[in-house]
Protein backbone atom coordinates (compact mmCIF):
# COMPACT_ATOMS: atom_id res chain seq x y z
CA MET A 1 -32.96 -145.27 71.71
CA GLU A 2 -34.30 -145.05 75.27
CA ILE A 3 -34.14 -141.84 77.28
CA LYS A 4 -31.39 -143.05 79.64
CA LYS A 5 -29.00 -143.65 76.75
CA ILE A 6 -29.70 -140.26 75.18
CA TYR A 7 -29.29 -138.66 78.60
CA SER A 8 -25.88 -140.31 79.03
CA LEU A 9 -24.78 -138.71 75.74
CA TYR A 10 -26.15 -135.31 76.79
CA ALA A 11 -24.60 -135.45 80.26
CA VAL A 12 -21.06 -135.61 78.85
CA HIS A 13 -21.14 -131.88 78.06
CA TYR A 14 -24.69 -130.68 79.03
CA LEU A 15 -25.16 -129.02 75.64
CA VAL A 16 -28.24 -128.96 73.41
CA ASP A 17 -28.77 -126.94 70.20
CA THR A 18 -31.59 -126.63 67.69
CA ASP A 19 -30.12 -124.18 65.17
CA THR A 20 -27.24 -125.15 62.87
CA ARG A 21 -26.22 -121.50 62.62
CA ASN A 22 -25.20 -121.58 66.28
CA ILE A 23 -23.88 -125.09 66.82
CA ARG A 24 -21.52 -125.60 69.75
CA LYS A 25 -18.83 -128.27 69.75
CA ASN A 26 -19.97 -131.63 71.23
CA THR A 27 -23.60 -130.53 71.50
CA LEU A 28 -26.67 -132.69 70.87
CA PHE A 29 -28.54 -131.29 67.87
CA PHE A 30 -32.32 -131.71 68.01
CA ALA A 31 -33.82 -131.55 64.53
CA LEU A 32 -37.04 -129.72 65.33
CA LYS A 33 -39.69 -129.09 62.68
CA GLY A 34 -42.00 -126.16 62.08
CA ASP A 35 -44.45 -124.88 59.49
CA HIS A 36 -41.66 -123.60 57.28
CA PHE A 37 -38.59 -125.65 58.21
CA ASN A 38 -37.48 -129.23 58.80
CA GLY A 39 -34.47 -129.68 61.05
CA ASN A 40 -33.96 -133.22 59.80
CA LYS A 41 -32.58 -131.75 56.59
CA PHE A 42 -29.82 -130.03 58.55
CA ALA A 43 -28.69 -132.99 60.66
CA ASN A 44 -25.55 -133.65 58.61
CA GLU A 45 -24.69 -129.96 58.60
CA ALA A 46 -24.99 -129.91 62.40
CA LEU A 47 -22.60 -132.86 62.65
CA LYS A 48 -20.12 -131.21 60.29
CA ASN A 49 -20.28 -128.04 62.41
CA GLY A 50 -19.28 -129.91 65.56
CA ALA A 51 -22.38 -131.56 67.03
CA ALA A 52 -21.62 -134.89 68.75
CA TYR A 53 -24.98 -136.39 67.73
CA ALA A 54 -28.10 -135.36 65.83
CA ILE A 55 -31.55 -136.41 67.09
CA ILE A 56 -33.88 -136.91 64.10
CA ASP A 57 -37.32 -138.38 63.43
CA GLU A 58 -37.31 -139.03 59.67
CA LYS A 59 -35.66 -142.29 58.60
CA GLU A 60 -34.35 -140.98 55.28
CA PHE A 61 -31.92 -138.74 57.15
CA ASP A 62 -30.57 -141.55 59.34
CA THR A 63 -27.38 -141.78 57.32
CA SER A 64 -24.65 -141.65 59.98
CA SER A 65 -23.56 -143.45 63.11
CA LYS A 66 -24.00 -140.06 64.78
CA THR A 67 -27.69 -139.68 63.92
CA ILE A 68 -30.21 -141.02 66.43
CA LEU A 69 -33.67 -141.82 65.09
CA VAL A 70 -36.56 -141.25 67.53
CA PRO A 71 -40.36 -141.23 67.00
CA ASN A 72 -40.71 -137.48 67.61
CA VAL A 73 -37.84 -135.02 68.13
CA LEU A 74 -39.88 -132.41 70.04
CA GLU A 75 -41.29 -134.99 72.43
CA MET A 76 -37.80 -136.40 72.98
CA LEU A 77 -36.51 -132.90 73.79
CA GLN A 78 -39.29 -132.46 76.34
CA GLN A 79 -38.72 -135.92 77.83
CA LEU A 80 -34.99 -135.30 78.10
CA ALA A 81 -35.61 -131.98 79.88
CA ARG A 82 -37.96 -133.63 82.38
CA TYR A 83 -35.54 -136.50 82.98
CA HIS A 84 -32.70 -133.99 83.49
CA ARG A 85 -34.84 -132.04 85.95
CA LEU A 86 -35.25 -135.22 88.00
CA GLN A 87 -31.48 -135.71 88.14
CA LEU A 88 -30.78 -132.13 89.23
CA LYS A 89 -30.73 -131.58 92.98
CA ILE A 90 -31.66 -127.92 92.69
CA LEU A 91 -34.51 -125.55 93.44
CA VAL A 92 -36.59 -124.31 90.50
CA ILE A 93 -38.68 -121.14 90.52
CA ALA A 94 -41.39 -120.79 87.86
CA LEU A 95 -42.70 -117.41 86.70
CA THR A 96 -45.75 -116.70 84.58
CA GLY A 97 -48.35 -113.96 84.17
CA SER A 98 -49.85 -111.66 81.56
CA ASN A 99 -47.36 -108.80 81.87
CA GLY A 100 -43.92 -108.34 83.38
CA LYS A 101 -42.75 -111.97 83.24
CA THR A 102 -39.47 -111.31 81.49
CA THR A 103 -38.62 -108.17 83.46
CA THR A 104 -39.33 -109.96 86.74
CA LYS A 105 -37.26 -112.93 85.61
CA GLU A 106 -34.32 -110.70 84.71
CA LEU A 107 -34.52 -108.83 88.03
CA LEU A 108 -34.82 -112.04 90.00
CA ASN A 109 -31.84 -113.54 88.20
CA CYS A 110 -29.76 -110.43 88.99
CA VAL A 111 -30.77 -110.55 92.67
CA LEU A 112 -30.27 -114.28 93.25
CA SER A 113 -27.02 -114.43 91.28
CA GLU A 114 -25.51 -112.13 93.91
CA THR A 115 -25.42 -115.16 96.22
CA TYR A 116 -26.17 -118.26 94.13
CA LYS A 117 -25.12 -119.88 90.87
CA THR A 118 -28.30 -119.35 88.85
CA THR A 119 -29.49 -120.41 85.42
CA ALA A 120 -32.46 -118.54 83.96
CA THR A 121 -34.55 -118.47 80.82
CA VAL A 122 -32.72 -116.61 78.06
CA GLY A 123 -34.81 -113.79 76.58
CA ASN A 124 -38.40 -115.00 76.43
CA LEU A 125 -37.80 -118.65 75.46
CA ASN A 126 -40.79 -119.59 77.57
CA ASN A 127 -42.92 -122.02 75.54
CA HIS A 128 -43.04 -125.79 74.95
CA ILE A 129 -39.61 -125.58 73.31
CA GLY A 130 -38.05 -122.77 75.35
CA VAL A 131 -38.78 -124.29 78.76
CA PRO A 132 -37.06 -127.62 77.91
CA LEU A 133 -34.09 -125.70 76.48
CA THR A 134 -33.89 -123.63 79.66
CA LEU A 135 -33.85 -126.75 81.84
CA LEU A 136 -31.23 -128.39 79.63
CA SER A 137 -29.00 -125.33 80.00
CA MET A 138 -28.80 -126.08 83.73
CA THR A 139 -25.83 -128.13 84.94
CA PRO A 140 -24.84 -129.76 88.25
CA LYS A 141 -23.17 -126.43 89.08
CA THR A 142 -26.55 -124.64 88.99
CA GLU A 143 -27.97 -123.96 92.46
CA ILE A 144 -31.26 -122.23 91.55
CA GLY A 145 -33.09 -122.44 88.23
CA ILE A 146 -35.43 -119.66 87.11
CA VAL A 147 -37.94 -120.73 84.47
CA GLU A 148 -40.22 -118.28 82.68
CA MET A 149 -43.44 -119.87 81.37
CA GLY A 150 -45.59 -118.34 78.65
CA ALA A 151 -48.97 -119.58 77.48
CA ASN A 152 -51.68 -118.66 75.00
CA HIS A 153 -54.18 -121.44 75.73
CA GLN A 154 -55.50 -123.66 78.51
CA GLU A 155 -53.39 -126.53 79.89
CA GLU A 156 -50.13 -125.10 78.55
CA ILE A 157 -48.84 -123.98 81.96
CA ALA A 158 -49.88 -127.33 83.45
CA PHE A 159 -47.85 -129.11 80.76
CA LEU A 160 -44.79 -126.92 81.33
CA CYS A 161 -45.02 -127.50 85.08
CA GLU A 162 -44.86 -131.25 84.53
CA ILE A 163 -41.61 -130.73 82.66
CA ALA A 164 -40.01 -128.14 84.96
CA GLN A 165 -41.48 -129.40 88.25
CA PRO A 166 -41.03 -126.09 90.10
CA ASP A 167 -40.52 -125.86 93.85
CA TYR A 168 -41.73 -122.24 93.91
CA GLY A 169 -43.96 -120.13 91.67
CA TYR A 170 -44.94 -116.53 91.08
CA ILE A 171 -47.67 -115.13 88.82
CA THR A 172 -47.04 -111.47 88.00
CA ASN A 173 -50.68 -110.62 87.22
CA PHE A 174 -53.76 -111.65 85.26
CA GLY A 175 -54.50 -109.42 82.26
CA LYS A 176 -56.06 -109.27 78.82
CA ALA A 177 -53.33 -111.09 76.91
CA HIS A 178 -53.76 -113.87 74.32
CA LEU A 179 -57.54 -113.58 74.47
CA GLU A 180 -57.76 -115.36 71.12
CA GLY A 181 -56.40 -118.56 72.67
CA PHE A 182 -57.78 -118.21 76.19
CA GLY A 183 -61.19 -116.98 75.04
CA SER A 184 -61.71 -114.40 77.78
CA LEU A 185 -60.12 -112.82 80.84
CA GLU A 186 -61.65 -115.64 82.88
CA GLY A 187 -59.83 -118.06 80.57
CA VAL A 188 -56.57 -116.22 81.18
CA ILE A 189 -57.05 -116.47 84.94
CA LYS A 190 -57.82 -120.18 84.72
CA GLY A 191 -54.87 -120.87 82.44
CA LYS A 192 -52.28 -118.94 84.44
CA SER A 193 -53.61 -120.40 87.71
CA GLU A 194 -52.53 -123.84 86.52
CA LEU A 195 -49.21 -122.92 88.17
CA TYR A 196 -51.01 -122.58 91.50
CA THR A 197 -52.76 -125.90 90.90
CA TYR A 198 -49.44 -127.63 90.38
CA LEU A 199 -47.85 -126.03 93.45
CA ASN A 200 -50.85 -127.00 95.57
CA LYS A 201 -50.79 -130.60 94.31
CA LYS A 202 -47.08 -130.92 95.12
CA ASN A 203 -47.31 -128.98 98.43
CA LYS A 204 -44.96 -126.29 97.12
CA THR A 205 -44.83 -122.54 97.77
CA ALA A 206 -46.22 -119.53 95.89
CA PHE A 207 -44.92 -115.98 96.18
CA ILE A 208 -47.76 -113.46 96.02
CA ASN A 209 -48.49 -109.77 95.84
CA PRO A 210 -50.90 -109.22 98.77
CA ASN A 211 -52.37 -106.17 97.02
CA ASP A 212 -53.58 -108.34 94.12
CA ALA A 213 -56.95 -109.67 95.24
CA LEU A 214 -56.94 -112.42 92.61
CA GLN A 215 -53.57 -113.73 93.73
CA VAL A 216 -54.76 -113.81 97.32
CA GLU A 217 -58.03 -115.52 96.36
CA LYS A 218 -56.39 -118.16 94.18
CA THR A 219 -53.80 -119.13 96.79
CA THR A 220 -55.95 -119.59 99.90
CA ASN A 221 -55.05 -123.30 100.05
CA LEU A 222 -51.35 -122.87 99.27
CA LYS A 223 -48.22 -122.19 101.24
CA THR A 224 -47.50 -118.55 100.40
CA VAL A 225 -44.87 -115.88 100.94
CA SER A 226 -46.10 -112.28 100.53
CA PHE A 227 -44.31 -109.08 99.61
CA PRO A 228 -42.75 -107.68 102.83
CA ASN A 229 -44.55 -104.83 104.58
CA ASN A 230 -41.37 -102.76 104.68
CA CYS A 231 -41.11 -102.68 100.87
CA VAL A 232 -42.57 -99.28 99.94
CA PHE A 233 -43.08 -97.50 96.61
CA ILE A 234 -41.70 -93.96 96.67
CA ALA A 235 -42.04 -92.55 93.14
CA ALA A 236 -41.64 -93.10 89.42
CA THR A 237 -40.33 -89.84 87.90
CA PRO A 238 -39.93 -91.57 85.53
CA TYR A 239 -37.67 -94.25 87.09
CA VAL A 240 -39.05 -96.33 89.93
CA LYS A 241 -37.68 -95.56 93.39
CA LEU A 242 -38.62 -97.65 96.40
CA ALA A 243 -37.45 -98.31 99.93
CA VAL A 244 -36.92 -101.56 101.78
CA ALA A 245 -36.43 -101.24 105.52
CA HIS A 246 -35.59 -97.54 104.96
CA LEU A 247 -32.87 -98.41 102.40
CA GLU A 248 -33.70 -96.52 99.18
CA ILE A 249 -33.31 -98.28 95.84
CA GLN A 250 -33.22 -96.26 92.61
CA SER A 251 -33.97 -98.46 89.60
CA HIS A 252 -33.60 -97.91 85.86
CA LEU A 253 -37.15 -99.15 85.26
CA ILE A 254 -39.80 -96.72 84.08
CA GLY A 255 -43.40 -96.64 85.32
CA ASP A 256 -45.01 -97.35 88.66
CA TYR A 257 -46.26 -100.68 87.23
CA ASN A 258 -42.65 -101.91 87.41
CA TYR A 259 -42.65 -101.49 91.19
CA THR A 260 -44.36 -104.87 91.64
CA ASN A 261 -41.76 -106.55 89.41
CA ILE A 262 -38.99 -105.16 91.62
CA ALA A 263 -40.90 -106.01 94.80
CA ALA A 264 -41.29 -109.61 93.62
CA ALA A 265 -37.54 -109.94 93.06
CA ILE A 266 -36.88 -108.47 96.51
CA THR A 267 -39.42 -110.79 98.14
CA ILE A 268 -37.87 -113.89 96.61
CA GLY A 269 -34.34 -112.65 97.25
CA LYS A 270 -35.20 -112.03 100.90
CA TYR A 271 -36.71 -115.52 101.17
CA PHE A 272 -33.44 -117.00 99.91
CA GLU A 273 -31.47 -114.80 102.33
CA VAL A 274 -29.74 -112.56 99.82
CA ALA A 275 -28.39 -109.58 101.78
CA LEU A 276 -30.34 -106.37 101.23
CA PRO A 277 -27.28 -104.32 100.14
CA LYS A 278 -26.59 -106.97 97.48
CA MET A 279 -30.20 -106.78 96.27
CA LYS A 280 -29.96 -102.99 96.09
CA LYS A 281 -26.78 -103.26 94.01
CA ALA A 282 -28.32 -105.83 91.65
CA ILE A 283 -31.51 -103.83 91.06
CA GLU A 284 -29.72 -100.51 90.59
CA GLN A 285 -27.34 -102.05 88.06
CA TYR A 286 -30.10 -103.68 85.98
CA THR A 287 -30.91 -101.83 82.76
CA PRO A 288 -33.75 -103.05 80.50
CA ASN A 289 -33.03 -103.82 76.86
CA ASN A 290 -34.56 -105.54 73.84
CA ASN A 291 -37.21 -102.84 73.29
CA ARG A 292 -38.64 -103.21 76.82
CA SER A 293 -39.16 -99.91 78.66
CA GLN A 294 -35.97 -98.44 77.24
CA MET A 295 -35.37 -94.71 77.61
CA ILE A 296 -33.52 -93.38 74.56
CA THR A 297 -32.45 -89.85 73.66
CA LYS A 298 -32.48 -88.90 69.98
CA GLY A 299 -31.84 -85.28 69.12
CA SER A 300 -34.19 -83.14 71.19
CA ASN A 301 -36.52 -86.07 71.92
CA GLN A 302 -36.76 -88.44 74.88
CA ILE A 303 -38.17 -91.78 73.73
CA LEU A 304 -39.75 -94.47 75.90
CA LEU A 305 -39.44 -97.53 73.68
CA ASP A 306 -41.74 -100.32 74.85
CA ALA A 307 -42.27 -102.07 71.54
CA TYR A 308 -41.42 -105.64 72.47
CA ASN A 309 -45.05 -106.58 72.97
CA ALA A 310 -48.45 -105.22 73.92
CA ASN A 311 -51.89 -106.24 75.12
CA PRO A 312 -54.76 -104.17 76.52
CA SER A 313 -53.56 -104.47 80.11
CA SER A 314 -49.97 -103.47 79.45
CA MET A 315 -50.89 -100.70 77.01
CA LYS A 316 -53.35 -99.19 79.49
CA VAL A 317 -50.82 -98.91 82.32
CA ALA A 318 -48.17 -97.63 79.88
CA LEU A 319 -50.47 -94.83 78.75
CA GLU A 320 -51.53 -93.93 82.28
CA ASN A 321 -47.93 -93.85 83.43
CA PHE A 322 -46.76 -91.82 80.43
CA SER A 323 -49.47 -89.24 81.10
CA LYS A 324 -47.79 -88.51 84.46
CA ILE A 325 -44.43 -87.62 82.90
CA LYS A 326 -43.73 -83.92 83.38
CA ASN A 327 -43.29 -82.61 79.87
CA PRO A 328 -45.88 -80.40 78.15
CA PHE A 329 -44.97 -81.91 74.77
CA LYS A 330 -45.83 -85.58 74.64
CA THR A 331 -46.34 -87.86 71.63
CA VAL A 332 -47.84 -91.34 71.72
CA ILE A 333 -47.38 -93.87 68.93
CA LEU A 334 -49.47 -97.01 69.41
CA GLY A 335 -49.37 -100.12 67.23
CA ASP A 336 -51.91 -102.90 66.90
CA MET A 337 -52.35 -105.47 69.68
CA PHE A 338 -52.45 -109.03 68.36
CA GLU A 339 -54.05 -112.31 69.47
CA LEU A 340 -57.22 -110.69 70.82
CA GLY A 341 -59.67 -112.75 68.78
CA LYS A 342 -63.27 -111.58 68.79
CA GLU A 343 -62.44 -108.95 71.41
CA SER A 344 -60.02 -107.15 69.07
CA ASP A 345 -62.33 -104.40 67.78
CA LYS A 346 -63.67 -103.62 71.24
CA GLU A 347 -60.25 -103.56 72.91
CA HIS A 348 -58.68 -101.34 70.25
CA GLN A 349 -61.57 -98.86 70.46
CA GLU A 350 -61.34 -98.76 74.26
CA MET A 351 -57.61 -98.07 73.98
CA VAL A 352 -58.28 -95.23 71.55
CA ASN A 353 -60.88 -93.80 73.92
CA LEU A 354 -58.36 -93.85 76.77
CA ALA A 355 -55.49 -92.37 74.77
CA ASP A 356 -57.69 -89.65 73.27
CA SER A 357 -58.95 -88.69 76.73
CA LEU A 358 -55.39 -88.09 77.96
CA SER A 359 -54.92 -85.27 75.42
CA PHE A 360 -51.32 -85.80 74.37
CA SER A 361 -49.70 -83.31 71.98
CA ASN A 362 -49.70 -85.93 69.23
CA THR A 363 -51.35 -89.33 69.13
CA PHE A 364 -50.63 -91.69 66.25
CA TYR A 365 -52.32 -95.08 65.80
CA VAL A 366 -50.82 -97.55 63.33
CA GLY A 367 -52.06 -100.91 62.05
CA ALA A 368 -55.19 -102.36 60.47
CA ASN A 369 -57.00 -102.71 63.81
CA PHE A 370 -56.40 -99.17 65.02
CA PHE A 371 -57.14 -97.88 61.51
CA ASN A 372 -60.73 -99.11 61.87
CA THR A 373 -61.38 -97.30 65.16
CA THR A 374 -63.17 -94.00 65.65
CA THR A 375 -60.85 -91.24 66.84
CA LYS A 376 -60.11 -87.54 66.57
CA ASN A 377 -56.43 -88.36 66.10
CA ASN A 378 -54.26 -89.72 63.30
CA THR A 379 -54.65 -93.32 62.14
CA PHE A 380 -52.38 -95.12 59.69
CA GLU A 381 -53.20 -98.47 58.17
CA THR A 382 -49.55 -99.25 57.46
CA PHE A 383 -46.17 -98.43 58.94
CA GLU A 384 -45.21 -96.82 55.65
CA ALA A 385 -48.07 -94.33 55.96
CA LEU A 386 -46.91 -93.39 59.47
CA GLN A 387 -43.35 -93.12 58.20
CA GLU A 388 -44.38 -90.66 55.51
CA CYS A 389 -46.21 -88.49 58.06
CA ILE A 390 -43.27 -88.33 60.47
CA GLN A 391 -40.82 -87.58 57.66
CA LYS A 392 -42.95 -84.68 56.46
CA LYS A 393 -43.35 -83.28 59.98
CA PRO A 394 -40.42 -84.37 62.18
CA LEU A 395 -40.93 -84.73 65.92
CA GLU A 396 -38.96 -82.24 68.03
CA ASN A 397 -38.65 -81.53 71.77
CA GLN A 398 -41.04 -84.35 72.60
CA SER A 399 -41.35 -87.10 75.16
CA ILE A 400 -42.42 -90.04 72.98
CA LEU A 401 -44.04 -93.33 73.99
CA ILE A 402 -43.79 -96.15 71.43
CA LYS A 403 -45.91 -99.20 72.29
CA GLY A 404 -47.20 -102.09 70.17
CA SER A 405 -47.20 -105.84 69.62
CA ARG A 406 -44.02 -107.57 68.49
CA GLY A 407 -45.34 -108.11 64.98
CA MET A 408 -45.66 -104.36 64.45
CA GLN A 409 -41.88 -103.88 64.85
CA LEU A 410 -42.35 -100.30 66.02
CA GLU A 411 -38.68 -99.98 66.95
CA ARG A 412 -38.31 -99.02 63.28
CA ILE A 413 -39.64 -95.61 64.31
CA LEU A 414 -36.29 -94.83 65.92
CA GLU A 415 -34.79 -94.48 62.44
CA LEU A 416 -37.33 -91.73 61.69
CA ILE A 417 -36.48 -89.59 64.72
CA HIS A 418 -33.36 -87.40 64.63
């Protein structure tokens, strides 16, 4: 079936689903496949649960008038998203970067939604599947779309730009993330800058942080909008406070590194003429969740839970920021950083050297990579070994930083602290 016909079915309700556990009535079910699952096998279940049609790519499952056989389900999802983008008469803002993408996206959505009907990436659905799903969640009622783009190898951002076709773009920063796929920091810079390449080719606009020399360098040939001069960092003790045109804004975000995420949201909000008092309200009401820079009190302990993900760049600024917190009793629990490739040993040792030099009350390293480093502090090859240590000697009256890659699931530590 050609794309126009599938689009006409989609445009009846503007609903797309890929998981039979969360099927919405009259949706189009796309039977995606992965290493350990085959959505084709669940096509009939999706139809029974209320899907209007099921898009499949294996003929043996084409057993109903409501199944639509295509050559490749994933490619059809991507094509449908691109086709839908062309029909939408809206502005799309693309965000990428090594750190802070999701926080910036959430802040920007809060700010712009004060004045516009926005649709933004849910969570961090920012890859070759998530970006199409984000676009397909937009309807004719959407006025501004906000699309987060993640990447772990070259040409991925370029591909996502061809689907989303952004009118504006912002790169949070260039850091040591996904080195295994990008090969080096230079590879990261090249890969993320594919957003700039697209914007330049289409004569679109980039928002930039003028204090980031790389952003300035990479956008010399682009139309740019810089952070306003009257946006000023005041403090992070521990929550970020800033002022815009002498109006103070007190956020619920921890760490001075979050200032640039807030400043980006303000810059873009100002560009789209969102009133400053509305931006202040939006930023002050935003509270991070999902294990991202969450401040949690448990017993006598104050916990900074930042266990959603980690790479050398984000872990470094987290440690440096945590060292400034005014509490004589500070504990750091660091989990392995993944996807670093051949740089893994070097980056983990450098992180140990930094953390050790900051002389926290307690420093715990957990995971196979940290276990193989040289340190004066405690290393644990497994989470269970760390668990045993904390249970034997409970943490009390501490400020605690918990930071590690998603696969380490360090939020489990919360159950050990009382």
